[in-house]
Amino acid sequence: MGGRTMFRSWRSVVLTNRKFFIAGFIVSLFLAGVVSFYASSSPDGLEKVAGDIGFIET
């Protein structure tokens, strides 16, 4: 019986880790989507300088 108890606890640890990593992956996808939405509306440094100098259209 002792081995069976260890197997159950090992399995529960694996399931807990799997749930943790899946939740972390979902949160990271959500954050990447939110951050990229705001970042895409703001020009980066090179685009700002090109616009200031006036050669952004070339």
PDB file of N, CA and C in Angstrom:
ATOM      1  N   MET A   1       0.807  -1.202   0.000  1.00  0.00           N
ATOM      2  CA  MET A   1       0.000   0.000   0.000  1.00  0.00           C
ATOM      3  C   MET A   1       0.847   1.263   0.000  1.00  0.00           C
ATOM      4  N   GLY A   2       2.028   1.218   0.599  1.00  0.00           N
ATOM      5  CA  GLY A   2       2.862   2.410   0.662  1.00  0.00           C
ATOM      6  C   GLY A   2       3.273   2.900  -0.711  1.00  0.00           C
ATOM      7  N   GLY A   3       3.575   1.979  -1.628  1.00  0.00           N
ATOM      8  CA  GLY A   3       3.946   2.369  -2.979  1.00  0.00           C
ATOM      9  C   GLY A   3       2.798   3.019  -3.722  1.00  0.00           C
ATOM     10  N   ARG A   4       1.612   2.529  -3.472  1.00  0.00           N
ATOM     11  CA  ARG A   4       0.437   3.092  -4.139  1.00  0.00           C
ATOM     12  C   ARG A   4       0.190   4.524  -3.664  1.00  0.00           C
ATOM     13  N   THR A   5       0.411   4.787  -2.396  1.00  0.00           N
ATOM     14  CA  THR A   5       0.252   6.145  -1.866  1.00  0.00           C
ATOM     15  C   THR A   5       1.275   7.080  -2.497  1.00  0.00           C
ATOM     16  N   MET A   6       2.523   6.594  -2.652  1.00  0.00           N
ATOM     17  CA  MET A   6       3.535   7.420  -3.294  1.00  0.00           C
ATOM     18  C   MET A   6       3.156   7.710  -4.740  1.00  0.00           C
ATOM     19  N   PHE A   7       2.598   6.719  -5.433  1.00  0.00           N
ATOM     20  CA  PHE A   7       2.199   6.917  -6.820  1.00  0.00           C
ATOM     21  C   PHE A   7       1.103   7.968  -6.922  1.00  0.00           C
ATOM     22  N   ARG A   8       0.158   7.928  -6.022  1.00  0.00           N
ATOM     23  CA  ARG A   8      -0.911   8.922  -6.047  1.00  0.00           C
ATOM     24  C   ARG A   8      -0.358  10.315  -5.777  1.00  0.00           C
ATOM     25  N   SER A   9       0.530  10.446  -4.814  1.00  0.00           N
ATOM     26  CA  SER A   9       1.067  11.771  -4.519  1.00  0.00           C
ATOM     27  C   SER A   9       1.934  12.269  -5.679  1.00  0.00           C
ATOM     28  N   TRP A  10       2.690  11.378  -6.316  1.00  0.00           N
ATOM     29  CA  TRP A  10       3.491  11.774  -7.481  1.00  0.00           C
ATOM     30  C   TRP A  10       2.586  12.217  -8.613  1.00  0.00           C
ATOM     31  N   ARG A  11       1.502  11.490  -8.819  1.00  0.00           N
ATOM     32  CA  ARG A  11       0.567  11.841  -9.890  1.00  0.00           C
ATOM     33  C   ARG A  11      -0.111  13.172  -9.600  1.00  0.00           C
ATOM     34  N   SER A  12      -0.466  13.413  -8.362  1.00  0.00           N
ATOM     35  CA  SER A  12      -1.102  14.691  -8.027  1.00  0.00           C
ATOM     36  C   SER A  12      -0.125  15.847  -8.207  1.00  0.00           C
ATOM     37  N   VAL A  13       1.152  15.611  -7.928  1.00  0.00           N
ATOM     38  CA  VAL A  13       2.160  16.652  -8.146  1.00  0.00           C
ATOM     39  C   VAL A  13       2.288  16.946  -9.636  1.00  0.00           C
ATOM     40  N   VAL A  14       2.292  15.922 -10.458  1.00  0.00           N
ATOM     41  CA  VAL A  14       2.392  16.109 -11.905  1.00  0.00           C
ATOM     42  C   VAL A  14       1.181  16.876 -12.419  1.00  0.00           C
ATOM     43  N   LEU A  15      -0.007  16.523 -11.960  1.00  0.00           N
ATOM     44  CA  LEU A  15      -1.215  17.219 -12.396  1.00  0.00           C
ATOM     45  C   LEU A  15      -1.220  18.662 -11.922  1.00  0.00           C
ATOM     46  N   THR A  16      -0.744  18.898 -10.705  1.00  0.00           N
ATOM     47  CA  THR A  16      -0.674  20.264 -10.192  1.00  0.00           C
ATOM     48  C   THR A  16       0.316  21.084 -11.010  1.00  0.00           C
ATOM     49  N   ASN A  17       1.475  20.515 -11.320  1.00  0.00           N
ATOM     50  CA  ASN A  17       2.461  21.219 -12.147  1.00  0.00           C
ATOM     51  C   ASN A  17       1.913  21.497 -13.536  1.00  0.00           C
ATOM     52  N   ARG A  18       1.216  20.534 -14.103  1.00  0.00           N
ATOM     53  CA  ARG A  18       0.647  20.711 -15.439  1.00  0.00           C
ATOM     54  C   ARG A  18      -0.369  21.850 -15.433  1.00  0.00           C
ATOM     55  N   LYS A  19      -1.232  21.889 -14.431  1.00  0.00           N
ATOM     56  CA  LYS A  19      -2.220  22.970 -14.331  1.00  0.00           C
ATOM     57  C   LYS A  19      -1.528  24.319 -14.161  1.00  0.00           C
ATOM     58  N   PHE A  20      -0.470  24.348 -13.363  1.00  0.00           N
ATOM     59  CA  PHE A  20       0.273  25.583 -13.135  1.00  0.00           C
ATOM     60  C   PHE A  20       0.899  26.088 -14.433  1.00  0.00           C
ATOM     61  N   PHE A  21       1.524  25.203 -15.194  1.00  0.00           N
ATOM     62  CA  PHE A  21       2.172  25.613 -16.442  1.00  0.00           C
ATOM     63  C   PHE A  21       1.152  26.017 -17.505  1.00  0.00           C
ATOM     64  N   ILE A  22       0.037  25.323 -17.567  1.00  0.00           N
ATOM     65  CA  ILE A  22      -1.009  25.700 -18.524  1.00  0.00           C
ATOM     66  C   ILE A  22      -1.580  27.062 -18.169  1.00  0.00           C
ATOM     67  N   ALA A  23      -1.835  27.295 -16.888  1.00  0.00           N
ATOM     68  CA  ALA A  23      -2.348  28.605 -16.463  1.00  0.00           C
ATOM     69  C   ALA A  23      -1.321  29.698 -16.752  1.00  0.00           C
ATOM     70  N   GLY A  24      -0.051  29.438 -16.502  1.00  0.00           N
ATOM     71  CA  GLY A  24       0.996  30.408 -16.796  1.00  0.00           C
ATOM     72  C   GLY A  24       1.102  30.704 -18.279  1.00  0.00           C
ATOM     73  N   PHE A  25       0.938  29.680 -19.105  1.00  0.00           N
ATOM     74  CA  PHE A  25       0.988  29.867 -20.556  1.00  0.00           C
ATOM     75  C   PHE A  25      -0.181  30.721 -21.033  1.00  0.00           C
ATOM     76  N   ILE A  26      -1.363  30.473 -20.493  1.00  0.00           N
ATOM     77  CA  ILE A  26      -2.542  31.262 -20.875  1.00  0.00           C
ATOM     78  C   ILE A  26      -2.380  32.711 -20.442  1.00  0.00           C
ATOM     79  N   VAL A  27      -1.878  32.931 -19.234  1.00  0.00           N
ATOM     80  CA  VAL A  27      -1.650  34.301 -18.754  1.00  0.00           C
ATOM     81  C   VAL A  27      -0.608  34.997 -19.616  1.00  0.00           C
ATOM     82  N   SER A  28       0.456  34.298 -19.999  1.00  0.00           N
ATOM     83  CA  SER A  28       1.491  34.926 -20.828  1.00  0.00           C
ATOM     84  C   SER A  28       0.957  35.273 -22.217  1.00  0.00           C
ATOM     85  N   LEU A  29       0.105  34.427 -22.790  1.00  0.00           N
ATOM     86  CA  LEU A  29      -0.510  34.756 -24.079  1.00  0.00           C
ATOM     87  C   LEU A  29      -1.403  35.981 -23.963  1.00  0.00           C
ATOM     88  N   PHE A  30      -2.172  36.052 -22.884  1.00  0.00           N
ATOM     89  CA  PHE A  30      -3.045  37.203 -22.667  1.00  0.00           C
ATOM     90  C   PHE A  30      -2.228  38.484 -22.526  1.00  0.00           C
ATOM     91  N   LEU A  31      -1.180  38.442 -21.703  1.00  0.00           N
ATOM     92  CA  LEU A  31      -0.346  39.629 -21.512  1.00  0.00           C
ATOM     93  C   LEU A  31       0.361  40.031 -22.805  1.00  0.00           C
ATOM     94  N   ALA A  32       0.830  39.068 -23.571  1.00  0.00           N
ATOM     95  CA  ALA A  32       1.486  39.388 -24.844  1.00  0.00           C
ATOM     96  C   ALA A  32       0.508  40.064 -25.798  1.00  0.00           C
ATOM     97  N   GLY A  33      -0.723  39.600 -25.821  1.00  0.00           N
ATOM     98  CA  GLY A  33      -1.728  40.220 -26.676  1.00  0.00           C
ATOM     99  C   GLY A  33      -2.051  41.635 -26.255  1.00  0.00           C
ATOM    100  N   VAL A  34      -2.206  41.859 -24.957  1.00  0.00           N
ATOM    101  CA  VAL A  34      -2.532  43.197 -24.453  1.00  0.00           C
ATOM    102  C   VAL A  34      -1.375  44.156 -24.691  1.00  0.00           C
ATOM    103  N   VAL A  35      -0.168  43.724 -24.386  1.00  0.00           N
ATOM    104  CA  VAL A  35       1.002  44.593 -24.540  1.00  0.00           C
ATOM    105  C   VAL A  35       1.247  44.900 -26.015  1.00  0.00           C
ATOM    106  N   SER A  36       1.106  43.920 -26.881  1.00  0.00           N
ATOM    107  CA  SER A  36       1.343  44.172 -28.307  1.00  0.00           C
ATOM    108  C   SER A  36       0.284  45.094 -28.891  1.00  0.00           C
ATOM    109  N   PHE A  37      -0.932  45.056 -28.375  1.00  0.00           N
ATOM    110  CA  PHE A  37      -1.976  45.967 -28.847  1.00  0.00           C
ATOM    111  C   PHE A  37      -1.585  47.410 -28.556  1.00  0.00           C
ATOM    112  N   TYR A  38      -1.099  47.676 -27.345  1.00  0.00           N
ATOM    113  CA  TYR A  38      -0.697  49.036 -26.998  1.00  0.00           C
ATOM    114  C   TYR A  38       0.620  49.427 -27.661  1.00  0.00           C
ATOM    115  N   ALA A  39       1.524  48.494 -27.826  1.00  0.00           N
ATOM    116  CA  ALA A  39       2.822  48.807 -28.423  1.00  0.00           C
ATOM    117  C   ALA A  39       2.694  49.098 -29.911  1.00  0.00           C
ATOM    118  N   SER A  40       1.779  48.459 -30.593  1.00  0.00           N
ATOM    119  CA  SER A  40       1.668  48.663 -32.032  1.00  0.00           C
ATOM    120  C   SER A  40       1.126  50.046 -32.375  1.00  0.00           C
ATOM    121  N   SER A  41       0.403  50.684 -31.456  1.00  0.00           N
ATOM    122  CA  SER A  41      -0.128  52.012 -31.747  1.00  0.00           C
ATOM    123  C   SER A  41       0.904  53.106 -31.497  1.00  0.00           C
ATOM    124  N   SER A  42       1.972  52.786 -30.812  1.00  0.00           N
ATOM    125  CA  SER A  42       3.023  53.760 -30.530  1.00  0.00           C
ATOM    126  C   SER A  42       4.224  53.483 -31.428  1.00  0.00           C
ATOM    127  N   PRO A  43       4.762  54.509 -32.093  1.00  0.00           N
ATOM    128  CA  PRO A  43       5.931  54.274 -32.945  1.00  0.00           C
ATOM    129  C   PRO A  43       7.169  53.966 -32.100  1.00  0.00           C
ATOM    130  N   ASP A  44       8.061  53.184 -32.658  1.00  0.00           N
ATOM    131  CA  ASP A  44       9.308  52.934 -31.949  1.00  0.00           C
ATOM    132  C   ASP A  44      10.273  54.093 -32.186  1.00  0.00           C
ATOM    133  N   GLY A  45      11.435  54.018 -31.618  1.00  0.00           N
ATOM    134  CA  GLY A  45      12.406  55.107 -31.699  1.00  0.00           C
ATOM    135  C   GLY A  45      12.827  55.436 -33.117  1.00  0.00           C
ATOM    136  N   LEU A  46      13.044  54.417 -33.952  1.00  0.00           N
ATOM    137  CA  LEU A  46      13.467  54.663 -35.329  1.00  0.00           C
ATOM    138  C   LEU A  46      12.377  55.354 -36.134  1.00  0.00           C
ATOM    139  N   GLU A  47      11.124  54.950 -35.945  1.00  0.00           N
ATOM    140  CA  GLU A  47      10.029  55.601 -36.663  1.00  0.00           C
ATOM    141  C   GLU A  47       9.864  57.048 -36.218  1.00  0.00           C
ATOM    142  N   LYS A  48      10.062  57.326 -34.936  1.00  0.00           N
ATOM    143  CA  LYS A  48       9.935  58.696 -34.438  1.00  0.00           C
ATOM    144  C   LYS A  48      11.015  59.590 -35.039  1.00  0.00           C
ATOM    145  N   VAL A  49      12.248  59.110 -35.045  1.00  0.00           N
ATOM    146  CA  VAL A  49      13.349  59.895 -35.610  1.00  0.00           C
ATOM    147  C   VAL A  49      13.142  60.093 -37.108  1.00  0.00           C
ATOM    148  N   ALA A  50      12.706  59.044 -37.813  1.00  0.00           N
ATOM    149  CA  ALA A  50      12.456  59.174 -39.253  1.00  0.00           C
ATOM    150  C   ALA A  50      11.351  60.183 -39.519  1.00  0.00           C
ATOM    151  N   GLY A  51      10.337  60.211 -38.674  1.00  0.00           N
ATOM    152  CA  GLY A  51       9.277  61.200 -38.830  1.00  0.00           C
ATOM    153  C   GLY A  51       9.752  62.597 -38.508  1.00  0.00           C
ATOM    154  N   ASP A  52      10.592  62.736 -37.491  1.00  0.00           N
ATOM    155  CA  ASP A  52      11.124  64.052 -37.123  1.00  0.00           C
ATOM    156  C   ASP A  52      12.022  64.606 -38.226  1.00  0.00           C
ATOM    157  N   ILE A  53      12.837  63.758 -38.817  1.00  0.00           N
ATOM    158  CA  ILE A  53      13.758  64.199 -39.859  1.00  0.00           C
ATOM    159  C   ILE A  53      13.023  64.385 -41.184  1.00  0.00           C
ATOM    160  N   GLY A  54      12.009  63.587 -41.436  1.00  0.00           N
ATOM    161  CA  GLY A  54      11.194  63.760 -42.623  1.00  0.00           C
ATOM    162  C   GLY A  54      11.409  62.743 -43.718  1.00  0.00           C
ATOM    163  N   PHE A  55      12.061  61.635 -43.452  1.00  0.00           N
ATOM    164  CA  PHE A  55      12.256  60.640 -44.505  1.00  0.00           C
ATOM    165  C   PHE A  55      11.519  59.334 -44.204  1.00  0.00           C
ATOM    166  N   ILE A  56      10.438  59.422 -43.478  1.00  0.00           N
ATOM    167  CA  ILE A  56       9.692  58.211 -43.137  1.00  0.00           C
ATOM    168  C   ILE A  56       8.961  57.627 -44.342  1.00  0.00           C
ATOM    169  N   GLU A  57       8.591  58.453 -45.324  1.00  0.00           N
ATOM    170  CA  GLU A  57       7.856  57.966 -46.486  1.00  0.00           C
ATOM    171  C   GLU A  57       8.762  57.317 -47.518  1.00  0.00           C
ATOM    172  N   THR A  58      10.076  57.505 -47.438  1.00  0.00           N
ATOM    173  CA  THR A  58      10.966  56.956 -48.457  1.00  0.00           C
ATOM    174  C   THR A  58      11.366  55.548 -48.160  1.00  0.00           C
TER     175      THR A  58
END
